[in-house]
C-alpha atoms as a PDB file:
ATOM      1  CA  UNK A   1     -19.332 106.226  58.460  1.00  0.00           C
ATOM      2  CA  UNK A   2     -17.792 106.953  55.055  1.00  0.00           C
ATOM      3  CA  UNK A   3     -14.739 108.464  56.757  1.00  0.00           C
ATOM      4  CA  UNK A   4     -14.316 105.289  58.823  1.00  0.00           C
ATOM      5  CA  UNK A   5     -14.607 103.161  55.693  1.00  0.00           C
ATOM      6  CA  UNK A   6     -11.928 105.272  53.963  1.00  0.00           C
ATOM      7  CA  UNK A   7      -9.610 104.886  56.951  1.00  0.00           C
ATOM      8  CA  UNK A   8     -10.159 101.104  57.024  1.00  0.00           C
ATOM      9  CA  UNK A   9      -9.431 100.850  53.285  1.00  0.00           C
ATOM     10  CA  UNK A  10      -6.248 102.897  53.730  1.00  0.00           C
ATOM     11  CA  UNK A  11      -5.120 100.689  56.627  1.00  0.00           C
ATOM     12  CA  UNK A  12      -5.823  97.552  54.609  1.00  0.00           C
ATOM     13  CA  UNK A  13      -3.793  98.932  51.707  1.00  0.00           C
ATOM     14  CA  UNK A  14      -0.865  99.661  54.022  1.00  0.00           C
ATOM     15  CA  UNK A  15      -1.052  96.149  55.451  1.00  0.00           C
ATOM     16  CA  UNK A  16      -0.966  94.598  51.973  1.00  0.00           C
ATOM     17  CA  UNK A  17       2.002  96.768  50.974  1.00  0.00           C
ATOM     18  CA  UNK A  18       3.900  95.895  54.139  1.00  0.00           C
ATOM     19  CA  UNK A  19       3.295  92.169  53.734  1.00  0.00           C
ATOM     20  CA  UNK A  20       4.632  92.315  50.157  1.00  0.00           C
ATOM     21  CA  UNK A  21       7.995  93.605  51.334  1.00  0.00           C
ATOM     22  CA  UNK A  22      10.892  91.150  51.600  1.00  0.00           C
ATOM     23  CA  UNK A  23      14.323  91.323  53.203  1.00  0.00           C
ATOM     24  CA  UNK A  24      17.167  89.718  51.292  1.00  0.00           C
ATOM     25  CA  UNK A  25      20.211  88.836  53.381  1.00  0.00           C
ATOM     26  CA  UNK A  26      23.419  86.932  52.715  1.00  0.00           C
ATOM     27  CA  UNK A  27      23.791  83.847  54.898  1.00  0.00           C
ATOM     28  CA  UNK A  28      26.156  80.931  55.329  1.00  0.00           C
ATOM     29  CA  UNK A  29      24.990  77.414  56.180  1.00  0.00           C
ATOM     30  CA  UNK A  30      27.269  75.259  58.281  1.00  0.00           C
ATOM     31  CA  UNK A  31      28.086  71.685  57.245  1.00  0.00           C
ATOM     32  CA  UNK A  32      27.020  72.267  53.658  1.00  0.00           C
ATOM     33  CA  UNK A  33      28.450  71.826  50.160  1.00  0.00           C
ATOM     34  CA  UNK A  34      27.312  73.268  46.856  1.00  0.00           C
ATOM     35  CA  UNK A  35      28.755  73.518  43.338  1.00  0.00           C
ATOM     36  CA  UNK A  36      28.572  76.399  40.856  1.00  0.00           C
ATOM     37  CA  UNK A  37      29.296  76.191  37.136  1.00  0.00           C
ATOM     38  CA  UNK A  38      30.650  79.404  35.603  1.00  0.00           C
ATOM     39  CA  UNK A  39      30.855  80.296  31.934  1.00  0.00           C
ATOM     40  CA  UNK A  40      32.388  83.474  30.515  1.00  0.00           C
ATOM     41  CA  UNK A  41      32.726  84.743  26.968  1.00  0.00           C
ATOM     42  CA  UNK A  42      34.718  87.943  26.406  1.00  0.00           C
ATOM     43  CA  UNK A  43      35.005  89.349  22.897  1.00  0.00           C
ATOM     44  CA  UNK A  44      37.038  92.463  22.229  1.00  0.00           C
ATOM     45  CA  UNK A  45      37.830  94.385  19.063  1.00  0.00           C
ATOM     46  CA  UNK A  46      40.277  97.188  19.653  1.00  0.00           C
ATOM     47  CA  UNK A  47      40.840  99.565  16.737  1.00  0.00           C
ATOM     48  CA  UNK A  48      44.081 101.557  16.926  1.00  0.00           C
ATOM     49  CA  UNK A  49      44.992 103.997  14.168  1.00  0.00           C
ATOM     50  CA  UNK A  50      42.605 102.187  11.814  1.00  0.00           C
ATOM     51  CA  UNK A  51      43.954  98.693  12.535  1.00  0.00           C
ATOM     52  CA  UNK A  52      41.612  96.165  14.190  1.00  0.00           C
ATOM     53  CA  UNK A  53      42.973  93.912  16.938  1.00  0.00           C
ATOM     54  CA  UNK A  54      40.440  91.174  17.850  1.00  0.00           C
ATOM     55  CA  UNK A  55      40.741  88.922  20.910  1.00  0.00           C
ATOM     56  CA  UNK A  56      38.409  86.419  22.577  1.00  0.00           C
ATOM     57  CA  UNK A  57      38.406  84.446  25.816  1.00  0.00           C
ATOM     58  CA  UNK A  58      36.100  81.512  26.612  1.00  0.00           C
ATOM     59  CA  UNK A  59      36.194  80.035  30.102  1.00  0.00           C
ATOM     60  CA  UNK A  60      34.178  77.255  31.706  1.00  0.00           C
ATOM     61  CA  UNK A  61      34.970  76.219  35.253  1.00  0.00           C
ATOM     62  CA  UNK A  62      33.377  74.643  38.309  1.00  0.00           C
ATOM     63  CA  UNK A  63      33.751  75.835  41.901  1.00  0.00           C
ATOM     64  CA  UNK A  64      32.852  73.676  44.892  1.00  0.00           C
ATOM     65  CA  UNK A  65      32.215  75.454  48.200  1.00  0.00           C
ATOM     66  CA  UNK A  66      32.326  73.407  51.396  1.00  0.00           C
ATOM     67  CA  UNK A  67      31.405  75.032  54.701  1.00  0.00           C
ATOM     68  CA  UNK A  68      32.347  73.406  57.999  1.00  0.00           C
ATOM     69  CA  UNK A  69      31.065  73.654  61.553  1.00  0.00           C
ATOM     70  CA  UNK A  70      30.587  77.075  63.143  1.00  0.00           C
ATOM     71  CA  UNK A  71      33.510  78.097  65.365  1.00  0.00           C
ATOM     72  CA  UNK A  72      33.132  79.187  68.987  1.00  0.00           C
ATOM     73  CA  UNK A  73      33.416  82.851  67.923  1.00  0.00           C
ATOM     74  CA  UNK A  74      30.463  82.388  65.526  1.00  0.00           C
ATOM     75  CA  UNK A  75      32.485  82.432  62.310  1.00  0.00           C
ATOM     76  CA  UNK A  76      32.168  79.932  59.475  1.00  0.00           C
ATOM     77  CA  UNK A  77      34.933  78.853  57.114  1.00  0.00           C
ATOM     78  CA  UNK A  78      34.142  77.941  53.507  1.00  0.00           C
ATOM     79  CA  UNK A  79      36.698  76.135  51.349  1.00  0.00           C
ATOM     80  CA  UNK A  80      36.528  77.051  47.656  1.00  0.00           C
ATOM     81  CA  UNK A  81      37.990  74.551  45.184  1.00  0.00           C
ATOM     82  CA  UNK A  82      38.181  74.705  41.395  1.00  0.00           C
ATOM     83  CA  UNK A  83      37.296  71.156  40.361  1.00  0.00           C
ATOM     84  CA  UNK A  84      37.239  71.675  36.565  1.00  0.00           C
ATOM     85  CA  UNK A  85      38.554  74.329  34.195  1.00  0.00           C
ATOM     86  CA  UNK A  86      38.419  74.559  30.431  1.00  0.00           C
ATOM     87  CA  UNK A  87      39.746  77.680  28.716  1.00  0.00           C
ATOM     88  CA  UNK A  88      40.199  78.890  25.140  1.00  0.00           C
ATOM     89  CA  UNK A  89      41.825  82.093  23.900  1.00  0.00           C
ATOM     90  CA  UNK A  90      42.088  83.757  20.510  1.00  0.00           C
ATOM     91  CA  UNK A  91      44.827  86.349  19.950  1.00  0.00           C
ATOM     92  CA  UNK A  92      45.761  88.610  17.004  1.00  0.00           C
ATOM     93  CA  UNK A  93      47.538  86.868  14.162  1.00  0.00           C
ATOM     94  CA  UNK A  94      45.429  83.730  14.478  1.00  0.00           C
ATOM     95  CA  UNK A  95      47.220  82.569  17.627  1.00  0.00           C
ATOM     96  CA  UNK A  96      45.072  80.218  19.726  1.00  0.00           C
ATOM     97  CA  UNK A  97      45.622  78.775  23.181  1.00  0.00           C
ATOM     98  CA  UNK A  98      43.808  76.131  25.235  1.00  0.00           C
ATOM     99  CA  UNK A  99      43.846  74.960  28.833  1.00  0.00           C
ATOM    100  CA  UNK A 100      42.166  71.992  30.494  1.00  0.00           C
ATOM    101  CA  UNK A 101      42.523  71.083  34.153  1.00  0.00           C
ATOM    102  CA  UNK A 102      42.623  67.381  33.178  1.00  0.00           C
ATOM    103  CA  UNK A 103      45.967  68.075  31.477  1.00  0.00           C
ATOM    104  CA  UNK A 104      47.288  71.246  33.137  1.00  0.00           C
ATOM    105  CA  UNK A 105      50.900  70.865  31.997  1.00  0.00           C
ATOM    106  CA  UNK A 106      50.072  71.666  28.364  1.00  0.00           C
ATOM    107  CA  UNK A 107      52.312  74.540  27.264  1.00  0.00           C
ATOM    108  CA  UNK A 108      51.239  77.848  25.744  1.00  0.00           C
ATOM    109  CA  UNK A 109      51.949  78.442  22.020  1.00  0.00           C
ATOM    110  CA  UNK A 110      54.236  81.363  22.934  1.00  0.00           C
ATOM    111  CA  UNK A 111      56.451  81.860  26.015  1.00  0.00           C
ATOM    112  CA  UNK A 112      54.844  85.274  26.590  1.00  0.00           C
ATOM    113  CA  UNK A 113      51.466  83.565  27.140  1.00  0.00           C
ATOM    114  CA  UNK A 114      52.737  80.950  29.586  1.00  0.00           C
ATOM    115  CA  UNK A 115      52.082  83.154  32.688  1.00  0.00           C
ATOM    116  CA  UNK A 116      48.319  83.030  31.942  1.00  0.00           C
ATOM    117  CA  UNK A 117      48.341  79.237  32.130  1.00  0.00           C
ATOM    118  CA  UNK A 118      50.653  79.321  35.138  1.00  0.00           C
ATOM    119  CA  UNK A 119      48.063  81.399  36.987  1.00  0.00           C
ATOM    120  CA  UNK A 120      45.320  78.848  36.221  1.00  0.00           C
ATOM    121  CA  UNK A 121      47.541  75.943  37.297  1.00  0.00           C
ATOM    122  CA  UNK A 122      48.084  77.696  40.608  1.00  0.00           C
ATOM    123  CA  UNK A 123      44.390  78.446  41.120  1.00  0.00           C
ATOM    124  CA  UNK A 124      43.218  74.851  40.548  1.00  0.00           C
ATOM    125  CA  UNK A 125      46.004  73.479  42.738  1.00  0.00           C
ATOM    126  CA  UNK A 126      45.434  75.734  45.755  1.00  0.00           C
ATOM    127  CA  UNK A 127      41.918  76.017  47.292  1.00  0.00           C
ATOM    128  CA  UNK A 128      41.113  79.235  49.142  1.00  0.00           C
ATOM    129  CA  UNK A 129      39.309  79.684  52.445  1.00  0.00           C
ATOM    130  CA  UNK A 130      36.730  82.435  53.016  1.00  0.00           C
ATOM    131  CA  UNK A 131      35.856  83.182  56.645  1.00  0.00           C
ATOM    132  CA  UNK A 132      32.442  84.694  57.326  1.00  0.00           C
ATOM    133  CA  UNK A 133      31.192  86.500  60.428  1.00  0.00           C
ATOM    134  CA  UNK A 134      28.109  85.365  62.310  1.00  0.00           C
ATOM    135  CA  UNK A 135      25.943  87.896  60.427  1.00  0.00           C
ATOM    136  CA  UNK A 136      27.023  86.451  57.056  1.00  0.00           C
ATOM    137  CA  UNK A 137      29.451  89.239  56.143  1.00  0.00           C
ATOM    138  CA  UNK A 138      32.943  88.383  54.927  1.00  0.00           C
ATOM    139  CA  UNK A 139      35.715  88.590  57.515  1.00  0.00           C
ATOM    140  CA  UNK A 140      38.813  87.449  55.616  1.00  0.00           C
ATOM    141  CA  UNK A 141      40.207  85.191  52.886  1.00  0.00           C
ATOM    142  CA  UNK A 142      43.164  82.851  53.256  1.00  0.00           C
ATOM    143  CA  UNK A 143      45.333  81.713  50.337  1.00  0.00           C
ATOM    144  CA  UNK A 144      48.008  79.008  50.804  1.00  0.00           C
ATOM    145  CA  UNK A 145      51.480  80.465  51.183  1.00  0.00           C
ATOM    146  CA  UNK A 146      52.772  78.142  48.457  1.00  0.00           C
ATOM    147  CA  UNK A 147      50.459  79.782  45.935  1.00  0.00           C
ATOM    148  CA  UNK A 148      51.598  83.283  46.849  1.00  0.00           C
ATOM    149  CA  UNK A 149      55.275  82.335  46.676  1.00  0.00           C
ATOM    150  CA  UNK A 150      54.828  80.723  43.269  1.00  0.00           C
ATOM    151  CA  UNK A 151      53.380  83.775  41.517  1.00  0.00           C
ATOM    152  CA  UNK A 152      55.158  87.004  40.670  1.00  0.00           C
ATOM    153  CA  UNK A 153      54.280  90.538  39.551  1.00  0.00           C
ATOM    154  CA  UNK A 154      50.777  91.218  38.179  1.00  0.00           C
ATOM    155  CA  UNK A 155      49.804  87.528  38.529  1.00  0.00           C
ATOM    156  CA  UNK A 156      50.128  87.793  42.279  1.00  0.00           C
ATOM    157  CA  UNK A 157      47.476  90.526  42.258  1.00  0.00           C
ATOM    158  CA  UNK A 158      45.132  88.411  40.079  1.00  0.00           C
ATOM    159  CA  UNK A 159      45.113  85.595  42.675  1.00  0.00           C
ATOM    160  CA  UNK A 160      45.262  87.530  45.923  1.00  0.00           C
ATOM    161  CA  UNK A 161      43.121  87.714  49.050  1.00  0.00           C
ATOM    162  CA  UNK A 162      42.523  91.397  48.278  1.00  0.00           C
ATOM    163  CA  UNK A 163      41.047  90.581  44.852  1.00  0.00           C
ATOM    164  CA  UNK A 164      38.874  87.711  46.180  1.00  0.00           C
ATOM    165  CA  UNK A 165      37.606  89.795  49.114  1.00  0.00           C
ATOM    166  CA  UNK A 166      36.640  92.581  46.704  1.00  0.00           C
ATOM    167  CA  UNK A 167      34.751  90.123  44.459  1.00  0.00           C
ATOM    168  CA  UNK A 168      32.801  88.514  47.322  1.00  0.00           C
ATOM    169  CA  UNK A 169      31.906  91.841  48.938  1.00  0.00           C
ATOM    170  CA  UNK A 170      30.783  93.244  45.595  1.00  0.00           C
ATOM    171  CA  UNK A 171      28.499  90.263  45.016  1.00  0.00           C
ATOM    172  CA  UNK A 172      27.034  90.552  48.524  1.00  0.00           C
ATOM    173  CA  UNK A 173      26.468  94.293  48.023  1.00  0.00           C
ATOM    174  CA  UNK A 174      24.176  93.625  45.069  1.00  0.00           C
ATOM    175  CA  UNK A 175      21.362  92.982  47.519  1.00  0.00           C
ATOM    176  CA  UNK A 176      19.283  95.967  48.710  1.00  0.00           C
ATOM    177  CA  UNK A 177      20.165  97.213  52.189  1.00  0.00           C
ATOM    178  CA  UNK A 178      16.506  97.516  53.186  1.00  0.00           C
ATOM    179  CA  UNK A 179      13.217  95.659  52.746  1.00  0.00           C
ATOM    180  CA  UNK A 180      11.889  95.926  49.189  1.00  0.00           C
ATOM    181  CA  UNK A 181       8.672  95.376  47.263  1.00  0.00           C
ATOM    182  CA  UNK A 182       8.230  94.470  43.618  1.00  0.00           C
ATOM    183  CA  UNK A 183       9.358  97.383  41.434  1.00  0.00           C
ATOM    184  CA  UNK A 184      11.725  98.936  44.008  1.00  0.00           C
ATOM    185  CA  UNK A 185      15.095 100.176  42.691  1.00  0.00           C
ATOM    186  CA  UNK A 186      18.577 100.704  44.095  1.00  0.00           C
ATOM    187  CA  UNK A 187      21.968 101.667  42.632  1.00  0.00           C
ATOM    188  CA  UNK A 188      25.380 100.072  43.021  1.00  0.00           C
ATOM    189  CA  UNK A 189      28.876 100.977  41.845  1.00  0.00           C
ATOM    190  CA  UNK A 190      30.745  97.888  40.622  1.00  0.00           C
ATOM    191  CA  UNK A 191      34.259  97.277  39.325  1.00  0.00           C
ATOM    192  CA  UNK A 192      35.369  94.755  36.701  1.00  0.00           C
ATOM    193  CA  UNK A 193      39.154  94.111  36.700  1.00  0.00           C
ATOM    194  CA  UNK A 194      40.643  93.685  33.213  1.00  0.00           C
ATOM    195  CA  UNK A 195      44.162  92.715  34.292  1.00  0.00           C
ATOM    196  CA  UNK A 196      47.358  94.718  34.232  1.00  0.00           C
ATOM    197  CA  UNK A 197      45.909  97.367  36.538  1.00  0.00           C
ATOM    198  CA  UNK A 198      43.033  98.140  34.165  1.00  0.00           C
ATOM    199  CA  UNK A 199      39.411  98.176  35.270  1.00  0.00           C
ATOM    200  CA  UNK A 200      35.928  99.133  34.151  1.00  0.00           C
ATOM    201  CA  UNK A 201      33.731 101.057  36.591  1.00  0.00           C
ATOM    202  CA  UNK A 202      29.989 100.527  36.275  1.00  0.00           C
ATOM    203  CA  UNK A 203      26.913 102.168  37.710  1.00  0.00           C
ATOM    204  CA  UNK A 204      24.210  99.490  37.820  1.00  0.00           C
ATOM    205  CA  UNK A 205      20.541 100.205  38.500  1.00  0.00           C
ATOM    206  CA  UNK A 206      18.907  97.148  40.087  1.00  0.00           C
ATOM    207  CA  UNK A 207      15.170  96.387  40.302  1.00  0.00           C
ATOM    208  CA  UNK A 208      13.380  93.845  42.476  1.00  0.00           C
ATOM    209  CA  UNK A 209      11.012  91.845  40.246  1.00  0.00           C
ATOM    210  CA  UNK A 210       9.267  89.655  42.833  1.00  0.00           C
ATOM    211  CA  UNK A 211       9.471  85.863  43.086  1.00  0.00           C
ATOM    212  CA  UNK A 212       9.333  82.910  40.729  1.00  0.00           C
ATOM    213  CA  UNK A 213       9.370  79.130  40.986  1.00  0.00           C
ATOM    214  CA  UNK A 214      12.352  77.313  39.450  1.00  0.00           C
ATOM    215  CA  UNK A 215      13.700  73.812  40.109  1.00  0.00           C
ATOM    216  CA  UNK A 216      11.323  73.401  43.069  1.00  0.00           C
ATOM    217  CA  UNK A 217      12.649  76.605  44.633  1.00  0.00           C
ATOM    218  CA  UNK A 218      10.931  79.875  45.412  1.00  0.00           C
ATOM    219  CA  UNK A 219      13.457  82.456  44.236  1.00  0.00           C
ATOM    220  CA  UNK A 220      13.684  86.238  44.349  1.00  0.00           C
ATOM    221  CA  UNK A 221      14.369  87.777  40.929  1.00  0.00           C
ATOM    222  CA  UNK A 222      16.493  90.901  40.509  1.00  0.00           C
ATOM    223  CA  UNK A 223      17.284  92.586  37.194  1.00  0.00           C
ATOM    224  CA  UNK A 224      19.970  95.152  36.477  1.00  0.00           C
ATOM    225  CA  UNK A 225      21.042  97.621  33.827  1.00  0.00           C
ATOM    226  CA  UNK A 226      24.371  99.412  33.380  1.00  0.00           C
ATOM    227  CA  UNK A 227      23.623 103.127  33.201  1.00  0.00           C
ATOM    228  CA  UNK A 228      27.203 104.449  33.239  1.00  0.00           C
ATOM    229  CA  UNK A 229      30.635 103.003  32.399  1.00  0.00           C
ATOM    230  CA  UNK A 230      34.163 104.401  32.671  1.00  0.00           C
ATOM    231  CA  UNK A 231      37.653 103.040  32.020  1.00  0.00           C
ATOM    232  CA  UNK A 232      40.359 103.476  34.649  1.00  0.00           C
ATOM    233  CA  UNK A 233      44.027 102.566  34.864  1.00  0.00           C
ATOM    234  CA  UNK A 234      45.227 101.846  38.386  1.00  0.00           C
ATOM    235  CA  UNK A 235      48.989 102.137  38.559  1.00  0.00           C
ATOM    236  CA  UNK A 236      51.596 102.086  35.774  1.00  0.00           C
ATOM    237  CA  UNK A 237      50.841 100.443  32.426  1.00  0.00           C
ATOM    238  CA  UNK A 238      52.235  96.945  31.936  1.00  0.00           C
ATOM    239  CA  UNK A 239      53.050  97.322  28.219  1.00  0.00           C
ATOM    240  CA  UNK A 240      54.192 100.122  25.892  1.00  0.00           C
ATOM    241  CA  UNK A 241      50.612 101.118  25.004  1.00  0.00           C
ATOM    242  CA  UNK A 242      48.991 103.589  27.431  1.00  0.00           C
ATOM    243  CA  UNK A 243      45.391 104.835  27.467  1.00  0.00           C
ATOM    244  CA  UNK A 244      45.429 108.630  27.632  1.00  0.00           C
ATOM    245  CA  UNK A 245      41.650 109.149  27.750  1.00  0.00           C
ATOM    246  CA  UNK A 246      38.431 107.367  26.880  1.00  0.00           C
ATOM    247  CA  UNK A 247      34.793 108.086  26.145  1.00  0.00           C
ATOM    248  CA  UNK A 248      32.970 104.775  26.504  1.00  0.00           C
ATOM    249  CA  UNK A 249      29.398 103.776  27.282  1.00  0.00           C
ATOM    250  CA  UNK A 250      27.277 100.690  27.821  1.00  0.00           C
ATOM    251  CA  UNK A 251      25.722 100.087  24.397  1.00  0.00           C
ATOM    252  CA  UNK A 252      23.834  97.077  25.740  1.00  0.00           C
ATOM    253  CA  UNK A 253      23.351  95.465  29.140  1.00  0.00           C
ATOM    254  CA  UNK A 254      21.160  92.783  30.644  1.00  0.00           C
ATOM    255  CA  UNK A 255      21.621  91.441  34.162  1.00  0.00           C
ATOM    256  CA  UNK A 256      19.420  88.892  35.905  1.00  0.00           C
ATOM    257  CA  UNK A 257      19.984  87.486  39.401  1.00  0.00           C
ATOM    258  CA  UNK A 258      18.082  84.727  41.183  1.00  0.00           C
ATOM    259  CA  UNK A 259      18.424  84.701  44.967  1.00  0.00           C
ATOM    260  CA  UNK A 260      17.417  81.896  47.333  1.00  0.00           C
ATOM    261  CA  UNK A 261      16.176  83.617  50.484  1.00  0.00           C
ATOM    262  CA  UNK A 262      16.225  80.366  52.470  1.00  0.00           C
ATOM    263  CA  UNK A 263      19.857  79.590  51.632  1.00  0.00           C
ATOM    264  CA  UNK A 264      20.907  83.250  51.678  1.00  0.00           C
ATOM    265  CA  UNK A 265      22.829  83.205  48.388  1.00  0.00           C
ATOM    266  CA  UNK A 266      22.530  83.776  44.650  1.00  0.00           C
ATOM    267  CA  UNK A 267      21.850  80.503  42.846  1.00  0.00           C
ATOM    268  CA  UNK A 268      21.918  81.906  39.319  1.00  0.00           C
ATOM    269  CA  UNK A 269      23.399  85.056  37.795  1.00  0.00           C
ATOM    270  CA  UNK A 270      23.417  86.055  34.141  1.00  0.00           C
ATOM    271  CA  UNK A 271      24.954  89.171  32.664  1.00  0.00           C
ATOM    272  CA  UNK A 272      25.622  90.536  29.190  1.00  0.00           C
ATOM    273  CA  UNK A 273      27.360  93.899  28.881  1.00  0.00           C
ATOM    274  CA  UNK A 274      28.598  95.527  25.672  1.00  0.00           C
ATOM    275  CA  UNK A 275      30.943  98.491  26.007  1.00  0.00           C
ATOM    276  CA  UNK A 276      31.752 100.734  23.038  1.00  0.00           C
ATOM    277  CA  UNK A 277      33.405 104.097  22.534  1.00  0.00           C
ATOM    278  CA  UNK A 278      36.442 106.136  21.551  1.00  0.00           C
ATOM    279  CA  UNK A 279      39.840 105.841  23.235  1.00  0.00           C
ATOM    280  CA  UNK A 280      43.106 107.695  22.773  1.00  0.00           C
ATOM    281  CA  UNK A 281      46.335 105.743  23.191  1.00  0.00           C
ATOM    282  CA  UNK A 282      49.948 106.820  23.544  1.00  0.00           C
ATOM    283  CA  UNK A 283      52.837 104.695  22.261  1.00  0.00           C
ATOM    284  CA  UNK A 284      56.439 105.940  22.190  1.00  0.00           C
ATOM    285  CA  UNK A 285      55.202 109.477  22.808  1.00  0.00           C
ATOM    286  CA  UNK A 286      52.780 109.407  19.870  1.00  0.00           C
ATOM    287  CA  UNK A 287      49.010 109.741  20.267  1.00  0.00           C
ATOM    288  CA  UNK A 288      46.911 107.135  18.452  1.00  0.00           C
ATOM    289  CA  UNK A 289      43.134 107.378  18.008  1.00  0.00           C
ATOM    290  CA  UNK A 290      41.211 104.205  18.803  1.00  0.00           C
ATOM    291  CA  UNK A 291      37.853 102.561  19.322  1.00  0.00           C
ATOM    292  CA  UNK A 292      36.726  99.840  21.695  1.00  0.00           C
ATOM    293  CA  UNK A 293      34.010  97.231  21.218  1.00  0.00           C
ATOM    294  CA  UNK A 294      33.941  94.883  24.209  1.00  0.00           C
ATOM    295  CA  UNK A 295      31.263  92.298  25.034  1.00  0.00           C
ATOM    296  CA  UNK A 296      31.364  90.491  28.378  1.00  0.00           C
ATOM    297  CA  UNK A 297      28.979  87.608  28.991  1.00  0.00           C
ATOM    298  CA  UNK A 298      28.917  85.548  32.193  1.00  0.00           C
ATOM    299  CA  UNK A 299      26.563  82.875  33.512  1.00  0.00           C
ATOM    300  CA  UNK A 300      26.836  81.333  36.999  1.00  0.00           C
ATOM    301  CA  UNK A 301      24.506  78.447  37.851  1.00  0.00           C
ATOM    302  CA  UNK A 302      24.356  76.461  41.081  1.00  0.00           C
ATOM    303  CA  UNK A 303      24.089  72.764  40.303  1.00  0.00           C
ATOM    304  CA  UNK A 304      21.336  70.573  41.834  1.00  0.00           C
ATOM    305  CA  UNK A 305      22.478  68.623  44.864  1.00  0.00           C
ATOM    306  CA  UNK A 306      23.252  64.998  44.163  1.00  0.00           C
ATOM    307  CA  UNK A 307      20.676  62.609  45.540  1.00  0.00           C
ATOM    308  CA  UNK A 308      22.009  60.332  48.240  1.00  0.00           C
END
């Protein structure tokens, strides 16, 4: 009898464990519209040969995604439009620059900085279309030809279908590829473009933390931590300063994602990553020792739907 009781207890335990597992999948909802507010704060202090070069970028923008009716082949098209954009930059020497989508023709303080604003003008003027397969995976991204013709050089890469596809696929890949229970872990490799062919490569360890109630929604909570970071230069350097080698690490990281299982998308993401370490630069054939202190903070929040 005792053996039977032990077997029944074991079976009950298995049943409880199985019922606690959840499957998180990306989905697209036809005939729907939602808005996401994004805020980024990037602070960098680069020390080269003992001289500190501080820069900062603050960006606040709003993206509206509108998905139409499902096509006969099962695909869904989602139009992404930047409806608001407010940007502030701080450069060495006390140079400051601002951009606001309400007055996009405002000029940069220096001609060399004008391409940055030109890129933003192009992005807010030309919505992009993401096409998703029936299973929710990304099929392709379309950018208006006028936008592509307007941009040149590195700017064309910043606002390209290749870059947008990479960003969407990376976000989708944050989800586990199997059913998970509270406390389960998985690892992802993620890339953060820095412009000019530069990028940071991260190893992020994610953990499923169960569910919580927020804004009348039952959401799945995922946390993450950067456990490895490397710098990489893809292609030739844009300026005269070249990174020869680097030894950087994640001094601090905190990532929190809230996923709506019913809608099949992240409704809130928060991340704070601080990267520090030694770097060796080369300028005019001369090696220069350096240090990097870079803090990247980003918050994405889906806005409540307007009541009709």
